[in-house]
């Protein structure tokens, strides 16, 4: 059995606030609609998001369950009503809270045989509770397949016996459209960055995982006063980071832009993407930068070495080491190094991480699951 226009796919995710998992889901759902499938997305949290319009534009309705606190039972009932109305042929759950709520909804006998696929997007705990390992195993046991977005994520979960049957797990890397491009000159003018200036850029959520205070410390150690740093994104640490910049006298060299939707233009505007995370399930932003022909300076953690080839498409440094990061920045001040690595980065994305490849691999998993359930 293969997916056809008569098939209905229900995606369930914790929220559609901008992030790697959410943008990945948007790309996947958009292509599934283009292939003639009926697709619906359920978000546990009722967070306002610019991705809402993007989903609707490609023909995917998003239903919010209005979850206010984890453990609330109402969203389980609401999710079951969605199942009754939509009658999905396959359910695809993304991120642990969504996995759990789908698992609870599927305790209903009427949906005990609906195929379930889980995507693991991160190498971090299932939940901040003492029995989280048992809970994650119980949830995964219901799934026919567990897709891990990187080998690092697969290793993390296999060490926790998730799924209990290793043959249920598989790896499908994120993919991006390597042909998309943006215009960065206007953004540089907006940010007051001359074309001759080397602009380092961070793009993502301003959260502890990204170790942005370490990035700012490293930037202060860079002995190139003409270099600039832009932080694109929003999050709970913004105020703290702004105070750090002010205390170090770097206000004229560091800019906070807030959230932006025009990521292709952002990637065109920056000269180097910097991602100094403590851990990353994948780091979709790495592909977005590399697809734009930009080198990457990132930490040698989790899945990042699967994406960035040290010395070829970027420079990898130890985490929480501002001196090493500053040294990497110093090396990337050389335009010839940036050009060489940027060109290699674009080639790597086209060959290894294109969107078409990711879609095809996911499609084959769907087909296998449907075939096994129909047998």
Protein backbone atom coordinates (compact mmCIF):
# COMPACT_ATOMS: atom_id res chain seq x y z
CA UNK A 1 0.00 0.00 0.00
CA UNK A 2 1.29 3.46 -0.91
CA UNK A 3 0.05 6.86 0.09
CA UNK A 4 -2.50 8.25 -2.33
CA UNK A 5 -4.73 11.29 -2.53
CA UNK A 6 -7.32 9.44 -0.46
CA UNK A 7 -4.93 9.11 2.47
CA UNK A 8 -5.13 11.44 5.46
CA UNK A 9 -2.06 12.33 7.51
CA UNK A 10 -2.42 13.89 10.94
CA UNK A 11 0.65 15.62 12.37
CA UNK A 12 0.66 16.44 16.07
CA UNK A 13 3.29 18.78 17.52
CA UNK A 14 3.75 20.60 20.81
CA UNK A 15 3.49 24.07 19.24
CA UNK A 16 4.13 25.83 15.95
CA UNK A 17 6.33 28.53 17.47
CA UNK A 18 9.28 29.03 15.08
CA UNK A 19 11.98 26.41 15.58
CA UNK A 20 13.77 23.63 13.74
CA UNK A 21 11.16 20.93 14.34
CA UNK A 22 8.31 23.27 13.45
CA UNK A 23 9.92 24.51 10.23
CA UNK A 24 10.76 20.92 9.31
CA UNK A 25 7.10 19.99 9.76
CA UNK A 26 6.03 22.91 7.58
CA UNK A 27 8.28 21.69 4.74
CA UNK A 28 7.04 18.12 5.14
CA UNK A 29 3.37 19.04 5.30
CA UNK A 30 3.65 21.39 2.33
CA UNK A 31 5.14 18.70 0.14
CA UNK A 32 2.55 16.16 1.27
CA UNK A 33 -0.21 18.55 0.24
CA UNK A 34 1.53 19.05 -3.10
CA UNK A 35 1.50 15.27 -3.51
CA UNK A 36 -2.28 15.27 -3.10
CA UNK A 37 -2.54 14.00 0.47
CA UNK A 38 -5.02 15.33 3.01
CA UNK A 39 -2.97 16.86 5.80
CA UNK A 40 -3.90 18.40 9.11
CA UNK A 41 -1.71 19.70 11.95
CA UNK A 42 -2.65 19.71 15.62
CA UNK A 43 -0.72 21.94 18.02
CA UNK A 44 -1.02 21.27 21.75
CA UNK A 45 -0.25 24.86 22.73
CA UNK A 46 -2.22 27.83 21.51
CA UNK A 47 0.85 29.99 20.90
CA UNK A 48 0.52 32.68 18.24
CA UNK A 49 3.08 32.04 15.54
CA UNK A 50 4.04 33.47 12.15
CA UNK A 51 4.14 29.87 10.95
CA UNK A 52 0.34 29.72 11.26
CA UNK A 53 -0.10 31.73 8.07
CA UNK A 54 2.56 29.66 6.30
CA UNK A 55 0.72 26.42 7.08
CA UNK A 56 -2.59 27.87 5.95
CA UNK A 57 -1.02 29.25 2.76
CA UNK A 58 0.02 25.77 1.69
CA UNK A 59 -3.43 24.36 2.44
CA UNK A 60 -2.87 22.87 5.91
CA UNK A 61 -5.27 23.78 8.68
CA UNK A 62 -3.80 24.02 12.18
CA UNK A 63 -5.93 23.10 15.18
CA UNK A 64 -4.85 24.35 18.59
CA UNK A 65 -5.83 22.27 21.62
CA UNK A 66 -5.15 25.19 23.98
CA UNK A 67 -3.03 23.22 26.44
CA UNK A 68 -2.30 25.39 29.50
CA UNK A 69 -0.37 22.94 31.68
CA UNK A 70 1.03 19.46 31.15
CA UNK A 71 -1.23 16.83 32.68
CA UNK A 72 -4.37 18.64 31.62
CA UNK A 73 -6.82 16.02 30.31
CA UNK A 74 -9.05 18.23 28.18
CA UNK A 75 -6.68 18.25 25.18
CA UNK A 76 -6.75 14.44 25.10
CA UNK A 77 -10.52 14.58 24.65
CA UNK A 78 -10.15 17.28 22.01
CA UNK A 79 -7.56 15.24 20.15
CA UNK A 80 -9.93 12.28 20.09
CA UNK A 81 -12.59 14.54 18.55
CA UNK A 82 -10.08 15.46 15.85
CA UNK A 83 -9.53 11.75 15.20
CA UNK A 84 -13.27 11.21 14.84
CA UNK A 85 -13.60 14.14 12.44
CA UNK A 86 -10.47 13.67 10.33
CA UNK A 87 -10.19 9.87 10.35
CA UNK A 88 -6.42 9.77 9.75
CA UNK A 89 -4.80 6.84 8.00
CA UNK A 90 -1.52 7.63 9.77
CA UNK A 91 -0.49 9.83 12.70
CA UNK A 92 2.93 11.47 12.92
CA UNK A 93 3.89 12.90 16.33
CA UNK A 94 6.68 15.45 16.85
CA UNK A 95 8.33 16.33 20.21
CA UNK A 96 7.73 14.56 23.55
CA UNK A 97 4.61 16.37 24.86
CA UNK A 98 2.84 15.74 21.55
CA UNK A 99 3.99 12.11 21.57
CA UNK A 100 2.48 11.61 25.01
CA UNK A 101 -0.86 13.22 24.21
CA UNK A 102 -1.16 11.19 21.02
CA UNK A 103 -0.39 8.02 22.97
CA UNK A 104 -3.11 8.84 25.50
CA UNK A 105 -5.62 9.64 22.78
CA UNK A 106 -4.88 6.33 21.06
CA UNK A 107 -5.86 4.39 24.19
CA UNK A 108 -9.36 4.70 22.76
CA UNK A 109 -10.18 1.25 21.35
CA UNK A 110 -11.58 2.74 18.15
CA UNK A 111 -8.07 3.95 17.24
CA UNK A 112 -5.96 1.16 18.66
CA UNK A 113 -4.79 0.12 15.19
CA UNK A 114 -4.12 3.51 13.58
CA UNK A 115 -0.44 3.57 12.52
CA UNK A 116 1.75 5.90 14.56
CA UNK A 117 5.14 7.34 13.63
CA UNK A 118 7.21 9.37 16.07
CA UNK A 119 9.94 11.84 15.12
CA UNK A 120 12.67 12.42 17.68
CA UNK A 121 14.01 15.94 17.14
CA UNK A 122 16.27 16.32 20.17
CA UNK A 123 18.82 14.55 22.31
CA UNK A 124 17.38 15.64 25.63
CA UNK A 125 15.16 14.20 28.36
CA UNK A 126 11.62 13.19 27.52
CA UNK A 127 10.26 15.11 30.50
CA UNK A 128 11.59 16.63 33.76
CA UNK A 129 10.16 13.85 35.93
CA UNK A 130 11.78 10.92 37.71
CA UNK A 131 9.99 8.23 35.68
CA UNK A 132 10.65 9.88 32.31
CA UNK A 133 12.57 6.87 30.92
CA UNK A 134 9.70 4.49 31.60
CA UNK A 135 7.25 7.01 30.16
CA UNK A 136 9.24 7.51 26.97
CA UNK A 137 9.52 3.73 26.49
CA UNK A 138 5.77 3.31 26.99
CA UNK A 139 5.00 6.01 24.43
CA UNK A 140 7.46 4.67 21.84
CA UNK A 141 6.17 1.12 22.22
CA UNK A 142 2.95 2.17 20.45
CA UNK A 143 4.81 3.52 17.39
CA UNK A 144 5.50 1.44 14.30
CA UNK A 145 8.55 3.59 13.50
CA UNK A 146 10.67 6.11 15.39
CA UNK A 147 12.40 8.58 13.08
CA UNK A 148 15.52 10.21 14.52
CA UNK A 149 16.70 13.36 12.80
CA UNK A 150 20.38 12.51 13.30
CA UNK A 151 22.64 9.65 14.31
CA UNK A 152 23.41 11.56 17.52
CA UNK A 153 19.72 11.61 18.39
CA UNK A 154 19.39 7.92 17.52
CA UNK A 155 22.35 7.09 19.78
CA UNK A 156 20.89 9.13 22.64
CA UNK A 157 17.55 7.32 22.52
CA UNK A 158 18.95 3.86 21.86
CA UNK A 159 20.97 4.18 25.07
CA UNK A 160 17.62 4.70 26.82
CA UNK A 161 16.07 1.68 25.11
CA UNK A 162 13.78 3.84 22.97
CA UNK A 163 12.40 2.16 21.02
CA UNK A 164 12.76 -1.19 22.75
CA UNK A 165 13.09 -2.87 19.35
CA UNK A 166 16.09 -1.25 17.62
CA UNK A 167 14.73 -2.17 14.19
CA UNK A 168 11.91 0.32 14.74
CA UNK A 169 14.37 3.22 14.70
CA UNK A 170 15.72 4.94 11.60
CA UNK A 171 17.55 8.16 10.75
CA UNK A 172 16.22 10.80 8.37
CA UNK A 173 18.22 14.02 8.35
CA UNK A 174 16.54 17.36 7.91
CA UNK A 175 16.58 18.79 4.40
CA UNK A 176 16.26 22.25 2.88
CA UNK A 177 15.52 23.67 -0.53
CA UNK A 178 19.01 24.38 -1.78
CA UNK A 179 17.68 26.60 -4.57
CA UNK A 180 16.04 29.22 -2.30
CA UNK A 181 17.91 32.50 -1.97
CA UNK A 182 17.47 35.93 -0.46
CA UNK A 183 18.70 39.48 -0.85
CA UNK A 184 20.92 40.56 2.02
CA UNK A 185 22.18 43.99 0.97
CA UNK A 186 19.06 45.76 2.18
CA UNK A 187 19.31 44.06 5.59
CA UNK A 188 22.95 45.08 5.96
CA UNK A 189 21.97 48.67 5.23
CA UNK A 190 19.15 48.40 7.77
CA UNK A 191 21.59 47.11 10.37
CA UNK A 192 24.21 49.73 9.51
CA UNK A 193 26.76 47.17 8.34
CA UNK A 194 29.00 48.22 5.46
CA UNK A 195 29.71 45.69 2.72
CA UNK A 196 33.39 45.67 3.69
CA UNK A 197 32.63 44.62 7.28
CA UNK A 198 32.65 40.95 8.31
CA UNK A 199 29.26 40.16 9.85
CA UNK A 200 28.92 37.18 12.17
CA UNK A 201 25.35 36.06 12.75
CA UNK A 202 23.39 33.91 15.16
CA UNK A 203 19.87 32.82 14.14
CA UNK A 204 17.63 31.05 16.62
CA UNK A 205 15.91 31.18 19.97
CA UNK A 206 17.55 33.16 22.76
CA UNK A 207 17.52 30.29 25.26
CA UNK A 208 20.14 28.69 27.57
CA UNK A 209 20.79 25.76 25.17
CA UNK A 210 22.39 28.17 22.67
CA UNK A 211 25.05 29.38 25.15
CA UNK A 212 24.81 32.91 23.81
CA UNK A 213 26.58 34.49 26.75
CA UNK A 214 29.61 32.45 25.68
CA UNK A 215 29.27 33.77 22.13
CA UNK A 216 29.17 37.36 23.35
CA UNK A 217 32.22 36.78 25.53
CA UNK A 218 34.07 35.30 22.54
CA UNK A 219 33.13 38.26 20.37
CA UNK A 220 34.61 40.69 22.89
CA UNK A 221 37.91 38.78 22.62
CA UNK A 222 38.02 39.09 18.83
CA UNK A 223 40.78 41.55 17.99
CA UNK A 224 39.04 42.97 14.94
CA UNK A 225 37.12 46.11 15.92
CA UNK A 226 35.57 46.32 12.47
CA UNK A 227 33.74 42.97 12.84
CA UNK A 228 30.04 42.98 13.72
CA UNK A 229 27.64 40.50 15.34
CA UNK A 230 23.91 40.21 14.78
CA UNK A 231 21.57 38.04 16.86
CA UNK A 232 18.39 37.19 14.96
CA UNK A 233 15.65 35.75 17.10
CA UNK A 234 13.80 36.20 20.36
CA UNK A 235 13.51 34.44 23.66
CA UNK A 236 13.58 34.71 27.46
CA UNK A 237 17.29 35.58 27.64
CA UNK A 238 17.08 38.68 25.47
CA UNK A 239 17.14 41.17 28.33
CA UNK A 240 20.02 39.42 30.07
CA UNK A 241 22.05 39.29 26.87
CA UNK A 242 21.38 42.95 26.10
CA UNK A 243 22.68 43.86 29.55
CA UNK A 244 25.81 41.79 28.92
CA UNK A 245 26.43 43.66 25.68
CA UNK A 246 25.93 47.00 27.40
CA UNK A 247 28.28 46.10 30.26
CA UNK A 248 31.06 45.20 27.82
CA UNK A 249 30.74 48.40 25.80
CA UNK A 250 29.80 46.53 22.60
CA UNK A 251 26.54 48.33 21.83
CA UNK A 252 27.82 49.69 18.51
CA UNK A 253 29.07 46.27 17.35
CA UNK A 254 26.25 43.93 18.40
CA UNK A 255 22.65 44.18 17.19
CA UNK A 256 19.54 42.30 18.35
CA UNK A 257 16.99 42.16 15.53
CA UNK A 258 14.21 40.16 17.15
CA UNK A 259 12.42 37.43 15.23
CA UNK A 260 12.52 37.61 11.44
CA UNK A 261 10.71 35.50 8.87
CA UNK A 262 13.00 36.32 5.94
CA UNK A 263 15.69 33.79 6.84
CA UNK A 264 17.06 33.43 3.27
CA UNK A 265 17.74 37.18 3.28
CA UNK A 266 19.31 36.95 6.73
CA UNK A 267 21.63 34.20 5.53
CA UNK A 268 22.52 36.24 2.48
CA UNK A 269 23.33 39.22 4.73
CA UNK A 270 25.69 37.49 7.19
CA UNK A 271 29.20 36.39 6.30
CA UNK A 272 29.47 33.61 8.90
CA UNK A 273 26.81 31.74 10.87
CA UNK A 274 27.75 31.10 14.51
CA UNK A 275 26.05 28.39 16.57
CA UNK A 276 27.67 27.75 19.94
CA UNK A 277 25.04 25.43 21.41
CA UNK A 278 25.56 23.04 24.31
CA UNK A 279 23.64 20.40 22.31
CA UNK A 280 21.67 20.22 19.06
CA UNK A 281 19.42 17.45 17.79
CA UNK A 282 20.35 18.65 14.33
CA UNK A 283 20.44 22.41 13.81
CA UNK A 284 18.30 23.22 10.77
CA UNK A 285 19.78 26.71 10.77
CA UNK A 286 23.12 25.16 9.80
CA UNK A 287 21.62 23.91 6.54
CA UNK A 288 19.96 27.26 5.87
CA UNK A 289 23.32 29.00 6.15
CA UNK A 290 25.24 26.39 4.18
CA UNK A 291 22.63 26.41 1.40
CA UNK A 292 23.32 30.15 1.10
CA UNK A 293 27.01 29.42 0.67
CA UNK A 294 28.04 30.61 4.10
CA UNK A 295 30.66 28.95 6.34
CA UNK A 296 29.69 27.91 9.86
CA UNK A 297 31.44 28.36 13.19
CA UNK A 298 29.86 25.94 15.63
CA UNK A 299 30.47 23.74 18.64
CA UNK A 300 31.58 20.13 18.27
CA UNK A 301 28.52 18.66 20.02
CA UNK A 302 25.65 16.27 19.30
CA UNK A 303 24.68 16.16 15.62
CA UNK A 304 26.60 19.24 14.47
CA UNK A 305 29.61 17.22 13.20
CA UNK A 306 27.17 15.22 11.02
CA UNK A 307 26.30 18.47 9.26
CA UNK A 308 29.43 20.63 9.38
CA UNK A 309 32.73 19.14 8.22
CA UNK A 310 35.43 20.74 10.35
CA UNK A 311 37.98 22.58 8.22
CA UNK A 312 35.95 22.02 5.05
CA UNK A 313 32.51 23.63 5.41
CA UNK A 314 33.22 25.43 8.66
CA UNK A 315 35.10 25.38 11.93
CA UNK A 316 34.08 23.34 14.97
CA UNK A 317 35.20 24.31 18.47
CA UNK A 318 34.70 22.87 21.97
CA UNK A 319 31.54 24.03 23.79
CA UNK A 320 31.72 26.77 26.41
CA UNK A 321 35.19 27.80 25.28
CA UNK A 322 35.10 31.49 24.36
CA UNK A 323 38.81 31.61 23.51
CA UNK A 324 38.44 28.76 20.98
CA UNK A 325 35.40 30.46 19.47
CA UNK A 326 37.25 33.77 19.23
CA UNK A 327 40.12 31.98 17.49
CA UNK A 328 37.62 30.50 15.02
CA UNK A 329 36.19 33.94 14.35
CA UNK A 330 39.67 35.29 13.78
CA UNK A 331 40.37 32.59 11.16
CA UNK A 332 37.09 33.36 9.38
CA UNK A 333 37.98 37.02 9.02
CA UNK A 334 39.99 35.80 6.01
CA UNK A 335 37.77 36.22 2.93
CA UNK A 336 39.51 33.43 1.01
CA UNK A 337 38.75 30.93 3.81
CA UNK A 338 35.15 32.07 3.97
CA UNK A 339 34.75 31.71 0.22
CA UNK A 340 36.31 28.24 0.11
CA UNK A 341 34.26 26.92 3.01
CA UNK A 342 31.07 28.58 1.82
CA UNK A 343 31.31 26.98 -1.60
CA UNK A 344 31.96 23.57 -0.04
CA UNK A 345 29.01 24.09 2.33
CA UNK A 346 26.60 24.75 -0.54
CA UNK A 347 27.78 21.62 -2.36
CA UNK A 348 27.34 19.51 0.79
CA UNK A 349 23.75 20.66 1.24
CA UNK A 350 22.86 19.86 -2.36
CA UNK A 351 24.43 16.41 -2.15
CA UNK A 352 23.52 15.32 1.37
CA UNK A 353 20.72 17.45 2.81
CA UNK A 354 18.36 18.50 0.05
CA UNK A 355 14.65 18.71 0.82
CA UNK A 356 13.69 16.23 -1.91
CA UNK A 357 15.84 13.53 -0.33
CA UNK A 358 14.28 14.06 3.11
CA UNK A 359 10.76 13.91 1.66
CA UNK A 360 11.47 10.71 -0.27
CA UNK A 361 12.98 8.97 2.76
CA UNK A 362 9.99 9.92 4.91
CA UNK A 363 7.60 8.77 2.20
CA UNK A 364 9.24 5.34 2.08
CA UNK A 365 8.86 4.99 5.85
CA UNK A 366 5.16 5.88 5.60
CA UNK A 367 4.72 3.29 2.85
CA UNK A 368 6.45 0.56 4.85
CA UNK A 369 4.36 1.29 7.93
CA UNK A 370 1.11 1.24 5.96
CA UNK A 371 2.10 -1.99 4.25
CA UNK A 372 2.96 -3.71 7.52
CA UNK A 373 -0.30 -2.58 9.15
CA UNK A 374 -2.34 -3.75 6.16
CA UNK A 375 -0.71 -7.20 6.10
